[in-house]
């Protein structure tokens, strides 16, 4: 696992350098939020995937337990001991713009450690096709395809590119109409993840996908 993640991180750095060429600074906003709630309420009459998004060849269907409790995707012990993300607090809620979400506040003794959210988009929200469509419309300042995670397509995207301030979102297609998203915030420059927010978000997505792909325990 370590060597695979190292290779993925190397490829990831190359992609992010290429994406930086056209970046414009702005306020941190999550790409998912524009119309996904409305999309989720509309009839599913759109052919997926579209807008150049890749198909999800092996959709993850055993999501019921994670939809009931998105905080079950990660354990605090796993985050602290395996990934080096000590957790101070968790909060589960339903973010109307994006879907079911668990928010993790990270612990630190001497600075604001930031945190991240793990989000399962609502069924019918068009999954990665929605993100690719926003990019086609020119509403994303950051858009960079990432290495697949265990065969599942992934992309970094945000309406405002604030990687230099420690923000990054990564979206993983787990069904053609559902994404698993990590939204990472590490704004304090003393934070270990401040300078590499996309690499850190991708690492968390890899960890979460191990659980999601394994189904309910």
N, C-alpha and C. Protein backbone atom coordinates (compact mmCIF):
# COMPACT_ATOMS: atom_id res chain seq x y z
N UNK A 1 0.83 -1.21 0.00
CA UNK A 1 0.00 0.00 0.00
C UNK A 1 0.86 1.25 0.00
N UNK A 2 1.93 1.26 0.78
CA UNK A 2 2.78 2.44 0.86
C UNK A 2 3.37 2.79 -0.49
N UNK A 3 3.91 1.77 -1.21
CA UNK A 3 4.55 2.04 -2.48
C UNK A 3 3.53 2.52 -3.50
N UNK A 4 2.32 1.97 -3.47
CA UNK A 4 1.28 2.41 -4.40
C UNK A 4 0.92 3.86 -4.16
N UNK A 5 0.84 4.24 -2.89
CA UNK A 5 0.50 5.62 -2.58
C UNK A 5 1.63 6.56 -2.98
N UNK A 6 2.86 6.11 -2.85
CA UNK A 6 3.99 6.93 -3.26
C UNK A 6 3.95 7.19 -4.75
N UNK A 7 3.66 6.13 -5.55
CA UNK A 7 3.56 6.29 -6.99
C UNK A 7 2.41 7.22 -7.35
N UNK A 8 1.28 7.05 -6.64
CA UNK A 8 0.13 7.91 -6.92
C UNK A 8 0.45 9.35 -6.60
N UNK A 9 1.18 9.59 -5.51
CA UNK A 9 1.53 10.96 -5.12
C UNK A 9 2.43 11.60 -6.15
N UNK A 10 3.36 10.83 -6.75
CA UNK A 10 4.25 11.36 -7.76
C UNK A 10 3.47 11.79 -9.00
N UNK A 11 2.58 10.91 -9.44
CA UNK A 11 1.74 11.24 -10.60
C UNK A 11 0.84 12.42 -10.29
N UNK A 12 0.34 12.47 -9.06
CA UNK A 12 -0.53 13.54 -8.62
C UNK A 12 0.18 14.87 -8.67
N UNK A 13 1.43 14.93 -8.22
CA UNK A 13 2.18 16.18 -8.23
C UNK A 13 2.34 16.70 -9.64
N UNK A 14 2.57 15.81 -10.61
CA UNK A 14 2.70 16.21 -12.01
C UNK A 14 1.42 16.82 -12.52
N UNK A 15 0.29 16.19 -12.21
CA UNK A 15 -0.99 16.72 -12.64
C UNK A 15 -1.27 18.09 -12.04
N UNK A 16 -0.95 18.26 -10.78
CA UNK A 16 -1.24 19.52 -10.11
C UNK A 16 -0.37 20.65 -10.64
N UNK A 17 0.90 20.35 -10.99
CA UNK A 17 1.75 21.37 -11.58
C UNK A 17 1.18 21.84 -12.90
N UNK A 18 0.65 20.91 -13.69
CA UNK A 18 0.05 21.27 -14.96
C UNK A 18 -1.19 22.13 -14.75
N UNK A 19 -1.96 21.81 -13.72
CA UNK A 19 -3.19 22.56 -13.46
C UNK A 19 -2.90 23.97 -13.00
N UNK A 20 -1.75 24.20 -12.35
CA UNK A 20 -1.43 25.50 -11.78
C UNK A 20 -1.28 26.58 -12.84
N UNK A 21 -0.98 26.21 -14.08
CA UNK A 21 -0.65 27.19 -15.09
C UNK A 21 -1.77 28.18 -15.33
N UNK A 22 -3.03 27.76 -15.20
CA UNK A 22 -4.17 28.63 -15.48
C UNK A 22 -4.97 28.98 -14.25
N UNK A 23 -4.38 28.79 -13.05
CA UNK A 23 -5.13 29.04 -11.82
C UNK A 23 -5.27 30.53 -11.55
N UNK A 24 -6.41 30.89 -10.96
CA UNK A 24 -6.67 32.26 -10.55
C UNK A 24 -7.13 32.23 -9.11
N UNK A 25 -6.56 33.09 -8.22
CA UNK A 25 -6.98 33.04 -6.82
C UNK A 25 -8.41 33.52 -6.64
N UNK A 26 -9.03 33.04 -5.57
CA UNK A 26 -10.40 33.44 -5.26
C UNK A 26 -10.80 32.92 -3.92
N UNK A 27 -12.07 33.09 -3.56
CA UNK A 27 -12.56 32.61 -2.28
C UNK A 27 -12.75 31.11 -2.32
N UNK A 28 -12.46 30.40 -1.21
CA UNK A 28 -12.64 28.94 -1.22
C UNK A 28 -14.11 28.58 -1.24
N UNK A 29 -14.52 27.88 -2.28
CA UNK A 29 -15.89 27.39 -2.39
C UNK A 29 -15.83 25.97 -2.92
N UNK A 30 -16.77 25.14 -2.47
CA UNK A 30 -16.80 23.76 -2.91
C UNK A 30 -17.58 23.65 -4.21
N UNK A 31 -17.00 22.98 -5.18
CA UNK A 31 -17.60 22.85 -6.50
C UNK A 31 -18.97 22.22 -6.45
N UNK A 32 -19.17 21.25 -5.56
CA UNK A 32 -20.40 20.48 -5.51
C UNK A 32 -21.64 21.33 -5.28
N UNK A 33 -21.48 22.51 -4.68
CA UNK A 33 -22.61 23.18 -4.08
C UNK A 33 -23.56 23.90 -5.01
N UNK A 34 -23.21 24.12 -6.30
CA UNK A 34 -24.00 25.01 -7.12
C UNK A 34 -25.42 24.51 -7.35
N UNK A 35 -25.58 23.35 -7.96
CA UNK A 35 -26.91 22.88 -8.32
C UNK A 35 -27.17 21.44 -7.96
N UNK A 36 -26.32 20.84 -7.11
CA UNK A 36 -26.51 19.40 -6.87
C UNK A 36 -27.77 19.11 -6.09
N UNK A 37 -28.18 19.98 -5.18
CA UNK A 37 -29.42 19.71 -4.45
C UNK A 37 -30.59 19.72 -5.42
N UNK A 38 -30.62 20.71 -6.33
CA UNK A 38 -31.69 20.76 -7.32
C UNK A 38 -31.64 19.56 -8.24
N UNK A 39 -30.42 19.20 -8.68
CA UNK A 39 -30.28 18.06 -9.56
C UNK A 39 -30.80 16.79 -8.91
N UNK A 40 -30.55 16.63 -7.60
CA UNK A 40 -30.96 15.41 -6.90
C UNK A 40 -32.47 15.29 -6.82
N UNK A 41 -33.20 16.46 -6.93
CA UNK A 41 -34.65 16.43 -6.82
C UNK A 41 -35.32 16.27 -8.17
N UNK A 42 -34.57 16.36 -9.26
CA UNK A 42 -35.14 16.24 -10.59
C UNK A 42 -35.21 14.77 -11.00
N UNK A 43 -36.11 14.42 -11.91
CA UNK A 43 -36.17 13.04 -12.41
C UNK A 43 -34.85 12.65 -13.05
N UNK A 44 -34.47 11.39 -12.88
CA UNK A 44 -33.19 10.91 -13.40
C UNK A 44 -33.35 10.55 -14.88
N UNK A 45 -33.49 11.59 -15.75
CA UNK A 45 -33.72 11.36 -17.16
C UNK A 45 -32.51 11.77 -17.99
N UNK A 46 -31.37 11.95 -17.37
CA UNK A 46 -30.15 12.34 -18.06
C UNK A 46 -29.27 11.11 -18.22
N UNK A 47 -28.77 10.92 -19.43
CA UNK A 47 -27.85 9.81 -19.67
C UNK A 47 -26.51 10.10 -19.00
N UNK A 48 -26.03 9.14 -18.23
CA UNK A 48 -24.75 9.28 -17.54
C UNK A 48 -23.79 8.20 -18.01
N UNK A 49 -22.50 8.52 -18.06
CA UNK A 49 -21.91 9.83 -17.79
C UNK A 49 -22.05 10.78 -18.98
N UNK A 50 -21.80 12.06 -18.73
CA UNK A 50 -21.81 13.05 -19.80
C UNK A 50 -20.71 14.09 -19.53
N UNK A 51 -20.57 15.03 -20.43
CA UNK A 51 -19.61 16.13 -20.30
C UNK A 51 -18.16 15.67 -20.23
N UNK A 52 -17.91 14.47 -20.73
CA UNK A 52 -16.54 13.95 -20.72
C UNK A 52 -16.15 13.21 -19.46
N UNK A 53 -17.08 13.06 -18.53
CA UNK A 53 -16.78 12.33 -17.29
C UNK A 53 -16.60 10.84 -17.59
N UNK A 54 -15.68 10.18 -16.89
CA UNK A 54 -15.49 8.74 -17.09
C UNK A 54 -16.62 7.94 -16.45
N UNK A 55 -16.90 6.79 -17.03
CA UNK A 55 -17.90 5.89 -16.44
C UNK A 55 -17.31 5.17 -15.24
N UNK A 56 -18.18 4.82 -14.30
CA UNK A 56 -17.79 4.01 -13.16
C UNK A 56 -18.11 2.56 -13.52
N UNK A 57 -17.08 1.79 -13.80
CA UNK A 57 -17.28 0.44 -14.33
C UNK A 57 -17.74 -0.57 -13.28
N UNK A 58 -17.37 -0.33 -12.02
CA UNK A 58 -17.71 -1.27 -10.95
C UNK A 58 -18.35 -0.50 -9.80
N UNK A 59 -19.59 -0.04 -9.98
CA UNK A 59 -20.19 0.84 -8.97
C UNK A 59 -20.30 0.19 -7.59
N UNK A 60 -20.07 0.99 -6.57
CA UNK A 60 -20.22 0.54 -5.18
C UNK A 60 -21.69 0.70 -4.81
N UNK A 61 -22.33 -0.38 -4.47
CA UNK A 61 -23.77 -0.35 -4.19
C UNK A 61 -24.12 -0.51 -2.71
N UNK A 62 -23.20 -1.07 -1.94
CA UNK A 62 -23.48 -1.29 -0.51
C UNK A 62 -23.14 -0.03 0.28
N UNK A 63 -24.04 0.95 0.21
CA UNK A 63 -23.78 2.26 0.83
C UNK A 63 -24.74 2.59 1.97
N UNK A 64 -25.70 1.70 2.25
CA UNK A 64 -26.76 2.05 3.19
C UNK A 64 -26.23 2.47 4.56
N UNK A 65 -25.29 1.71 5.10
CA UNK A 65 -24.80 2.03 6.44
C UNK A 65 -24.04 3.36 6.46
N UNK A 66 -23.33 3.66 5.37
CA UNK A 66 -22.59 4.91 5.31
C UNK A 66 -23.51 6.10 5.06
N UNK A 67 -24.61 5.85 4.36
CA UNK A 67 -25.59 6.91 4.16
C UNK A 67 -26.31 7.24 5.46
N UNK A 68 -26.52 6.22 6.29
CA UNK A 68 -27.13 6.47 7.61
C UNK A 68 -26.15 7.17 8.53
N UNK A 69 -24.87 6.83 8.43
CA UNK A 69 -23.86 7.38 9.33
C UNK A 69 -22.56 7.62 8.55
N UNK A 70 -22.44 8.78 7.90
CA UNK A 70 -21.23 9.05 7.11
C UNK A 70 -19.95 9.07 7.94
N UNK A 71 -20.07 9.27 9.26
CA UNK A 71 -18.87 9.27 10.10
C UNK A 71 -18.31 7.86 10.29
N UNK A 72 -19.04 6.84 9.84
CA UNK A 72 -18.53 5.48 9.95
C UNK A 72 -17.53 5.15 8.84
N UNK A 73 -17.34 6.05 7.89
CA UNK A 73 -16.38 5.80 6.81
C UNK A 73 -14.96 5.76 7.37
N UNK A 74 -14.68 6.63 8.35
CA UNK A 74 -13.37 6.65 8.99
C UNK A 74 -13.54 6.39 10.48
N UNK A 75 -12.60 5.67 11.06
CA UNK A 75 -12.53 5.59 12.52
C UNK A 75 -11.46 6.56 12.99
N UNK A 76 -11.66 7.12 14.18
CA UNK A 76 -10.69 8.08 14.71
C UNK A 76 -9.33 7.41 14.92
N UNK A 77 -9.34 6.15 15.35
CA UNK A 77 -8.08 5.42 15.55
C UNK A 77 -7.34 5.26 14.22
N UNK A 78 -8.08 4.92 13.18
CA UNK A 78 -7.48 4.75 11.86
C UNK A 78 -6.88 6.06 11.37
N UNK A 79 -7.61 7.15 11.56
CA UNK A 79 -7.12 8.44 11.10
C UNK A 79 -5.86 8.87 11.85
N UNK A 80 -5.83 8.65 13.16
CA UNK A 80 -4.70 9.09 13.97
C UNK A 80 -3.48 8.20 13.78
N UNK A 81 -3.68 6.89 13.85
CA UNK A 81 -2.54 5.97 13.88
C UNK A 81 -2.04 5.58 12.49
N UNK A 82 -2.96 5.41 11.56
CA UNK A 82 -2.57 4.97 10.23
C UNK A 82 -2.22 6.13 9.32
N UNK A 83 -3.03 7.19 9.36
CA UNK A 83 -2.86 8.29 8.42
C UNK A 83 -2.24 9.54 9.04
N UNK A 84 -2.11 9.60 10.37
CA UNK A 84 -1.52 10.77 11.00
C UNK A 84 -2.44 11.97 11.06
N UNK A 85 -3.75 11.72 11.21
CA UNK A 85 -4.73 12.79 11.33
C UNK A 85 -5.45 12.65 12.68
N UNK A 86 -4.88 13.17 13.77
CA UNK A 86 -5.56 13.07 15.07
C UNK A 86 -6.84 13.90 15.07
N UNK A 87 -7.93 13.31 15.51
CA UNK A 87 -9.24 13.94 15.45
C UNK A 87 -9.62 14.51 16.81
N UNK A 88 -10.05 15.78 16.83
CA UNK A 88 -10.52 16.40 18.05
C UNK A 88 -12.03 16.29 18.19
N UNK A 89 -12.76 16.30 17.05
CA UNK A 89 -14.21 16.28 17.12
C UNK A 89 -14.77 15.84 15.77
N UNK A 90 -15.93 15.20 15.78
CA UNK A 90 -16.63 14.84 14.54
C UNK A 90 -18.08 15.30 14.65
N UNK A 91 -18.66 15.62 13.49
CA UNK A 91 -20.05 16.03 13.46
C UNK A 91 -20.67 15.55 12.16
N UNK A 92 -21.76 14.82 12.25
CA UNK A 92 -22.46 14.32 11.08
C UNK A 92 -23.65 15.21 10.79
N UNK A 93 -23.82 15.58 9.52
CA UNK A 93 -24.98 16.36 9.14
C UNK A 93 -25.32 16.11 7.68
N UNK A 94 -26.44 16.64 7.26
CA UNK A 94 -26.86 16.55 5.86
C UNK A 94 -26.70 17.92 5.25
N UNK A 95 -25.64 18.10 4.49
CA UNK A 95 -25.39 19.37 3.82
C UNK A 95 -26.28 19.41 2.58
N UNK A 96 -27.26 20.32 2.59
CA UNK A 96 -28.23 20.35 1.51
C UNK A 96 -27.63 20.57 0.14
N UNK A 97 -26.45 21.20 0.06
CA UNK A 97 -25.84 21.49 -1.23
C UNK A 97 -25.09 20.29 -1.79
N UNK A 98 -24.62 19.40 -0.93
CA UNK A 98 -23.72 18.35 -1.42
C UNK A 98 -24.17 16.94 -1.10
N UNK A 99 -24.78 16.73 0.03
CA UNK A 99 -25.19 15.39 0.41
C UNK A 99 -24.89 15.10 1.86
N UNK A 100 -24.79 13.83 2.19
CA UNK A 100 -24.52 13.40 3.55
C UNK A 100 -23.06 13.64 3.88
N UNK A 101 -22.78 14.21 5.04
CA UNK A 101 -21.43 14.68 5.33
C UNK A 101 -21.04 14.40 6.77
N UNK A 102 -19.76 14.07 6.96
CA UNK A 102 -19.18 14.03 8.30
C UNK A 102 -18.02 15.02 8.33
N UNK A 103 -18.04 15.90 9.31
CA UNK A 103 -16.99 16.91 9.45
C UNK A 103 -16.04 16.51 10.58
N UNK A 104 -14.76 16.51 10.27
CA UNK A 104 -13.73 16.14 11.22
C UNK A 104 -12.87 17.36 11.55
N UNK A 105 -12.82 17.71 12.84
CA UNK A 105 -11.89 18.74 13.29
C UNK A 105 -10.64 18.05 13.81
N UNK A 106 -9.49 18.48 13.31
CA UNK A 106 -8.24 17.83 13.69
C UNK A 106 -7.64 18.48 14.92
N UNK A 107 -6.89 17.69 15.67
CA UNK A 107 -6.34 18.13 16.95
C UNK A 107 -4.91 18.61 16.80
N UNK A 108 -4.55 19.65 17.58
CA UNK A 108 -3.18 20.13 17.63
C UNK A 108 -2.99 20.89 18.94
N UNK A 109 -1.77 20.83 19.47
CA UNK A 109 -1.48 21.49 20.74
C UNK A 109 -1.17 22.97 20.58
N UNK A 110 -0.65 23.37 19.41
CA UNK A 110 -0.11 24.73 19.32
C UNK A 110 -0.62 25.54 18.14
N UNK A 111 -1.53 25.03 17.33
CA UNK A 111 -2.04 25.83 16.22
C UNK A 111 -3.38 25.27 15.74
N UNK A 112 -4.03 26.03 14.88
CA UNK A 112 -5.31 25.60 14.31
C UNK A 112 -5.03 24.50 13.30
N UNK A 113 -5.48 23.30 13.61
CA UNK A 113 -5.12 22.14 12.79
C UNK A 113 -6.02 21.97 11.57
N UNK A 114 -7.10 22.73 11.49
CA UNK A 114 -7.99 22.59 10.35
C UNK A 114 -8.83 21.33 10.45
N UNK A 115 -9.22 20.80 9.31
CA UNK A 115 -10.05 19.61 9.31
C UNK A 115 -10.45 19.23 7.91
N UNK A 116 -11.38 18.30 7.81
CA UNK A 116 -11.86 17.89 6.51
C UNK A 116 -13.28 17.36 6.65
N UNK A 117 -13.97 17.33 5.52
CA UNK A 117 -15.30 16.73 5.46
C UNK A 117 -15.27 15.56 4.49
N UNK A 118 -15.99 14.50 4.85
CA UNK A 118 -16.20 13.37 3.96
C UNK A 118 -17.67 13.40 3.55
N UNK A 119 -17.92 13.42 2.24
CA UNK A 119 -19.27 13.65 1.73
C UNK A 119 -19.67 12.54 0.76
N UNK A 120 -20.87 12.00 0.93
CA UNK A 120 -21.50 11.13 -0.06
C UNK A 120 -22.60 11.95 -0.73
N UNK A 121 -22.47 12.19 -2.03
CA UNK A 121 -23.49 12.98 -2.70
C UNK A 121 -24.80 12.20 -2.78
N UNK A 122 -25.89 12.94 -2.92
CA UNK A 122 -27.20 12.30 -3.01
C UNK A 122 -27.34 11.54 -4.32
N UNK A 123 -28.00 10.38 -4.32
CA UNK A 123 -28.31 9.70 -5.58
C UNK A 123 -29.09 10.64 -6.50
N UNK A 124 -28.78 10.60 -7.78
CA UNK A 124 -29.44 11.49 -8.73
C UNK A 124 -28.75 12.82 -8.91
N UNK A 125 -27.60 13.04 -8.24
CA UNK A 125 -26.89 14.31 -8.34
C UNK A 125 -25.91 14.34 -9.51
N UNK A 126 -25.93 13.29 -10.33
CA UNK A 126 -25.14 13.19 -11.56
C UNK A 126 -23.66 12.93 -11.33
N UNK A 127 -23.24 12.71 -10.11
CA UNK A 127 -21.88 12.26 -9.83
C UNK A 127 -20.81 13.12 -10.46
N UNK A 128 -19.77 12.47 -11.01
CA UNK A 128 -18.67 13.20 -11.63
C UNK A 128 -19.12 13.99 -12.85
N UNK A 129 -20.20 13.57 -13.49
CA UNK A 129 -20.69 14.31 -14.65
C UNK A 129 -21.04 15.74 -14.28
N UNK A 130 -21.56 15.93 -13.07
CA UNK A 130 -21.88 17.29 -12.60
C UNK A 130 -20.61 18.12 -12.50
N UNK A 131 -19.55 17.55 -11.97
CA UNK A 131 -18.29 18.28 -11.82
C UNK A 131 -17.68 18.60 -13.18
N UNK A 132 -17.69 17.62 -14.08
CA UNK A 132 -17.16 17.84 -15.42
C UNK A 132 -17.99 18.89 -16.18
N UNK A 133 -19.30 18.89 -15.94
CA UNK A 133 -20.17 19.87 -16.58
C UNK A 133 -19.83 21.28 -16.11
N UNK A 134 -19.58 21.44 -14.81
CA UNK A 134 -19.19 22.75 -14.30
C UNK A 134 -17.88 23.22 -14.94
N UNK A 135 -16.96 22.29 -15.13
CA UNK A 135 -15.70 22.66 -15.78
C UNK A 135 -15.94 23.08 -17.24
N UNK A 136 -16.82 22.35 -17.95
CA UNK A 136 -17.16 22.74 -19.32
C UNK A 136 -17.75 24.14 -19.38
N UNK A 137 -18.50 24.50 -18.34
CA UNK A 137 -19.13 25.82 -18.28
C UNK A 137 -18.15 26.91 -17.88
N UNK A 138 -16.94 26.53 -17.51
CA UNK A 138 -15.93 27.50 -17.12
C UNK A 138 -16.09 28.05 -15.72
N UNK A 139 -16.77 27.29 -14.84
CA UNK A 139 -17.01 27.79 -13.48
C UNK A 139 -16.05 27.20 -12.45
N UNK A 140 -15.03 26.47 -12.89
CA UNK A 140 -14.03 25.93 -11.96
C UNK A 140 -12.67 26.56 -12.26
N UNK A 141 -12.05 27.10 -11.22
CA UNK A 141 -10.68 27.60 -11.35
C UNK A 141 -9.67 26.47 -11.21
N UNK A 142 -10.03 25.46 -10.44
CA UNK A 142 -9.19 24.27 -10.31
C UNK A 142 -9.94 23.07 -10.87
N UNK A 143 -9.33 22.41 -11.83
CA UNK A 143 -9.87 21.17 -12.36
C UNK A 143 -8.69 20.35 -12.86
N UNK A 144 -8.41 19.22 -12.23
CA UNK A 144 -7.30 18.36 -12.62
C UNK A 144 -7.67 16.92 -12.34
N UNK A 145 -7.67 16.11 -13.38
CA UNK A 145 -7.95 14.70 -13.19
C UNK A 145 -6.82 14.05 -12.39
N UNK A 146 -7.19 13.18 -11.47
CA UNK A 146 -6.23 12.50 -10.61
C UNK A 146 -6.13 11.03 -11.01
N UNK A 147 -5.15 10.35 -10.47
CA UNK A 147 -5.05 8.91 -10.68
C UNK A 147 -6.28 8.22 -10.09
N UNK A 148 -6.80 7.21 -10.80
CA UNK A 148 -7.89 6.42 -10.24
C UNK A 148 -7.50 5.85 -8.88
N UNK A 149 -8.49 5.69 -8.03
CA UNK A 149 -8.28 5.06 -6.73
C UNK A 149 -8.91 3.68 -6.78
N UNK A 150 -8.09 2.65 -6.83
CA UNK A 150 -8.58 1.27 -6.94
C UNK A 150 -9.56 1.11 -8.10
N UNK A 151 -9.28 1.79 -9.21
CA UNK A 151 -10.12 1.67 -10.39
C UNK A 151 -11.27 2.65 -10.45
N UNK A 152 -11.42 3.51 -9.45
CA UNK A 152 -12.51 4.49 -9.42
C UNK A 152 -11.98 5.86 -9.81
N UNK A 153 -12.61 6.51 -10.79
CA UNK A 153 -12.09 7.78 -11.31
C UNK A 153 -12.16 8.90 -10.28
N UNK A 154 -11.17 9.78 -10.30
CA UNK A 154 -11.08 10.87 -9.32
C UNK A 154 -10.65 12.16 -10.01
N UNK A 155 -11.07 13.28 -9.43
CA UNK A 155 -10.72 14.58 -10.00
C UNK A 155 -10.65 15.61 -8.88
N UNK A 156 -9.68 16.53 -8.99
CA UNK A 156 -9.62 17.69 -8.09
C UNK A 156 -10.39 18.81 -8.75
N UNK A 157 -11.27 19.47 -8.00
CA UNK A 157 -12.06 20.55 -8.59
C UNK A 157 -12.50 21.52 -7.51
N UNK A 158 -12.58 22.78 -7.91
CA UNK A 158 -13.08 23.81 -6.99
C UNK A 158 -13.45 25.05 -7.79
N UNK A 159 -14.49 25.73 -7.36
CA UNK A 159 -14.85 26.99 -8.00
C UNK A 159 -13.75 28.03 -7.82
N UNK A 160 -13.13 28.04 -6.66
CA UNK A 160 -12.05 28.97 -6.37
C UNK A 160 -10.81 28.15 -6.01
N UNK A 161 -9.71 28.43 -6.66
CA UNK A 161 -8.48 27.70 -6.39
C UNK A 161 -7.76 28.34 -5.21
N UNK A 162 -7.77 27.67 -4.08
CA UNK A 162 -7.09 28.17 -2.88
C UNK A 162 -6.12 27.13 -2.34
N UNK A 163 -5.48 26.39 -3.22
CA UNK A 163 -4.47 25.43 -2.76
C UNK A 163 -3.35 26.12 -2.01
N UNK A 164 -3.01 27.35 -2.42
CA UNK A 164 -1.92 28.05 -1.74
C UNK A 164 -2.29 28.42 -0.31
N UNK A 165 -3.57 28.36 0.03
CA UNK A 165 -4.02 28.64 1.39
C UNK A 165 -4.39 27.37 2.15
N UNK A 166 -4.16 26.22 1.53
CA UNK A 166 -4.37 24.96 2.23
C UNK A 166 -5.71 24.31 2.01
N UNK A 167 -6.44 24.68 0.94
CA UNK A 167 -7.75 24.10 0.66
C UNK A 167 -7.67 23.22 -0.59
N UNK A 168 -8.33 22.07 -0.56
CA UNK A 168 -8.45 21.25 -1.76
C UNK A 168 -9.59 20.24 -1.60
N UNK A 169 -10.31 20.03 -2.69
CA UNK A 169 -11.40 19.04 -2.73
C UNK A 169 -11.07 17.99 -3.79
N UNK A 170 -11.30 16.72 -3.46
CA UNK A 170 -11.15 15.65 -4.44
C UNK A 170 -12.45 14.85 -4.48
N UNK A 171 -12.90 14.57 -5.70
CA UNK A 171 -14.15 13.86 -5.94
C UNK A 171 -13.84 12.51 -6.56
N UNK A 172 -14.43 11.45 -6.02
CA UNK A 172 -14.24 10.10 -6.54
C UNK A 172 -15.59 9.56 -6.98
N UNK A 173 -15.66 9.09 -8.22
CA UNK A 173 -16.91 8.51 -8.71
C UNK A 173 -17.08 7.09 -8.19
N UNK A 174 -18.12 6.85 -7.38
CA UNK A 174 -18.36 5.50 -6.87
C UNK A 174 -19.59 4.87 -7.52
N UNK A 175 -20.45 5.68 -8.10
CA UNK A 175 -21.48 5.27 -9.04
C UNK A 175 -21.53 6.38 -10.09
N UNK A 176 -22.18 6.13 -11.21
CA UNK A 176 -22.25 7.19 -12.23
C UNK A 176 -22.96 8.43 -11.70
N UNK A 177 -23.83 8.27 -10.70
CA UNK A 177 -24.56 9.42 -10.17
C UNK A 177 -24.22 9.75 -8.72
N UNK A 178 -23.17 9.16 -8.16
CA UNK A 178 -22.80 9.42 -6.78
C UNK A 178 -21.28 9.60 -6.69
N UNK A 179 -20.87 10.61 -5.93
CA UNK A 179 -19.45 10.81 -5.66
C UNK A 179 -19.16 10.69 -4.17
N UNK A 180 -17.95 10.29 -3.87
CA UNK A 180 -17.39 10.37 -2.52
C UNK A 180 -16.36 11.48 -2.57
N UNK A 181 -16.52 12.45 -1.69
CA UNK A 181 -15.71 13.66 -1.74
C UNK A 181 -14.99 13.91 -0.43
N UNK A 182 -13.74 14.33 -0.53
CA UNK A 182 -12.99 14.84 0.61
C UNK A 182 -12.76 16.33 0.39
N UNK A 183 -13.19 17.14 1.35
CA UNK A 183 -12.99 18.59 1.32
C UNK A 183 -12.04 18.94 2.46
N UNK A 184 -10.79 19.27 2.13
CA UNK A 184 -9.77 19.48 3.15
C UNK A 184 -9.46 20.96 3.33
N UNK A 185 -9.36 21.38 4.60
CA UNK A 185 -9.00 22.75 4.95
C UNK A 185 -7.83 22.72 5.92
N UNK A 186 -6.71 23.30 5.50
CA UNK A 186 -5.51 23.36 6.34
C UNK A 186 -4.91 24.76 6.19
N UNK A 187 -5.65 25.78 6.63
CA UNK A 187 -5.28 27.16 6.33
C UNK A 187 -4.10 27.68 7.14
N UNK A 188 -3.85 27.12 8.32
CA UNK A 188 -2.71 27.56 9.13
C UNK A 188 -1.41 27.07 8.50
N UNK A 189 -0.47 27.99 8.25
CA UNK A 189 0.75 27.58 7.56
C UNK A 189 1.66 26.70 8.41
N UNK A 190 1.33 26.52 9.69
CA UNK A 190 2.07 25.57 10.52
C UNK A 190 1.50 24.15 10.41
N UNK A 191 0.39 24.03 9.72
CA UNK A 191 -0.25 22.74 9.54
C UNK A 191 0.57 21.89 8.58
N UNK A 192 0.76 20.62 8.92
CA UNK A 192 1.57 19.73 8.08
C UNK A 192 0.98 19.54 6.69
N UNK A 193 -0.32 19.78 6.54
CA UNK A 193 -0.99 19.58 5.25
C UNK A 193 -1.18 20.88 4.47
N UNK A 194 -0.71 22.00 5.03
CA UNK A 194 -0.95 23.31 4.41
C UNK A 194 -0.36 23.41 3.00
N UNK A 195 0.84 22.91 2.83
CA UNK A 195 1.54 23.07 1.54
C UNK A 195 1.17 22.00 0.52
N UNK A 196 0.51 20.94 0.97
CA UNK A 196 0.14 19.85 0.06
C UNK A 196 -1.31 19.43 0.28
N UNK A 197 -2.26 20.36 0.20
CA UNK A 197 -3.64 20.00 0.54
C UNK A 197 -4.25 18.97 -0.40
N UNK A 198 -3.92 19.00 -1.68
CA UNK A 198 -4.51 18.03 -2.61
C UNK A 198 -3.94 16.64 -2.40
N UNK A 199 -2.63 16.57 -2.14
CA UNK A 199 -2.03 15.27 -1.85
C UNK A 199 -2.63 14.68 -0.58
N UNK A 200 -2.87 15.53 0.43
CA UNK A 200 -3.46 15.05 1.70
C UNK A 200 -4.91 14.63 1.50
N UNK A 201 -5.67 15.42 0.71
CA UNK A 201 -7.06 15.07 0.43
C UNK A 201 -7.13 13.73 -0.32
N UNK A 202 -6.21 13.54 -1.26
CA UNK A 202 -6.17 12.30 -2.03
C UNK A 202 -5.85 11.11 -1.13
N UNK A 203 -4.91 11.30 -0.20
CA UNK A 203 -4.57 10.22 0.73
C UNK A 203 -5.77 9.83 1.58
N UNK A 204 -6.53 10.83 2.04
CA UNK A 204 -7.73 10.54 2.81
C UNK A 204 -8.78 9.84 1.96
N UNK A 205 -8.90 10.25 0.69
CA UNK A 205 -9.85 9.59 -0.20
C UNK A 205 -9.47 8.12 -0.40
N UNK A 206 -8.17 7.85 -0.54
CA UNK A 206 -7.72 6.46 -0.66
C UNK A 206 -8.13 5.65 0.57
N UNK A 207 -7.93 6.23 1.73
CA UNK A 207 -8.27 5.54 2.97
C UNK A 207 -9.76 5.29 3.07
N UNK A 208 -10.55 6.31 2.74
CA UNK A 208 -12.01 6.15 2.79
C UNK A 208 -12.53 5.15 1.78
N UNK A 209 -11.89 5.09 0.62
CA UNK A 209 -12.33 4.15 -0.41
C UNK A 209 -12.08 2.71 0.01
N UNK A 210 -11.06 2.47 0.82
CA UNK A 210 -10.85 1.12 1.33
C UNK A 210 -12.06 0.64 2.11
N UNK A 211 -12.65 1.54 2.89
CA UNK A 211 -13.85 1.19 3.67
C UNK A 211 -15.07 1.06 2.79
N UNK A 212 -15.29 2.05 1.91
CA UNK A 212 -16.46 2.03 1.05
C UNK A 212 -16.47 0.82 0.13
N UNK A 213 -15.33 0.49 -0.42
CA UNK A 213 -15.25 -0.64 -1.34
C UNK A 213 -15.46 -1.96 -0.62
N UNK A 214 -15.13 -1.96 0.69
CA UNK A 214 -15.34 -3.16 1.48
C UNK A 214 -16.77 -3.36 1.90
N UNK A 215 -17.62 -2.32 1.75
CA UNK A 215 -19.02 -2.43 2.13
C UNK A 215 -19.21 -2.29 3.62
N UNK A 216 -20.40 -2.49 4.08
CA UNK A 216 -20.73 -2.37 5.49
C UNK A 216 -20.05 -3.48 6.27
N UNK A 217 -19.51 -3.11 7.41
CA UNK A 217 -18.85 -4.10 8.26
C UNK A 217 -19.84 -4.79 9.18
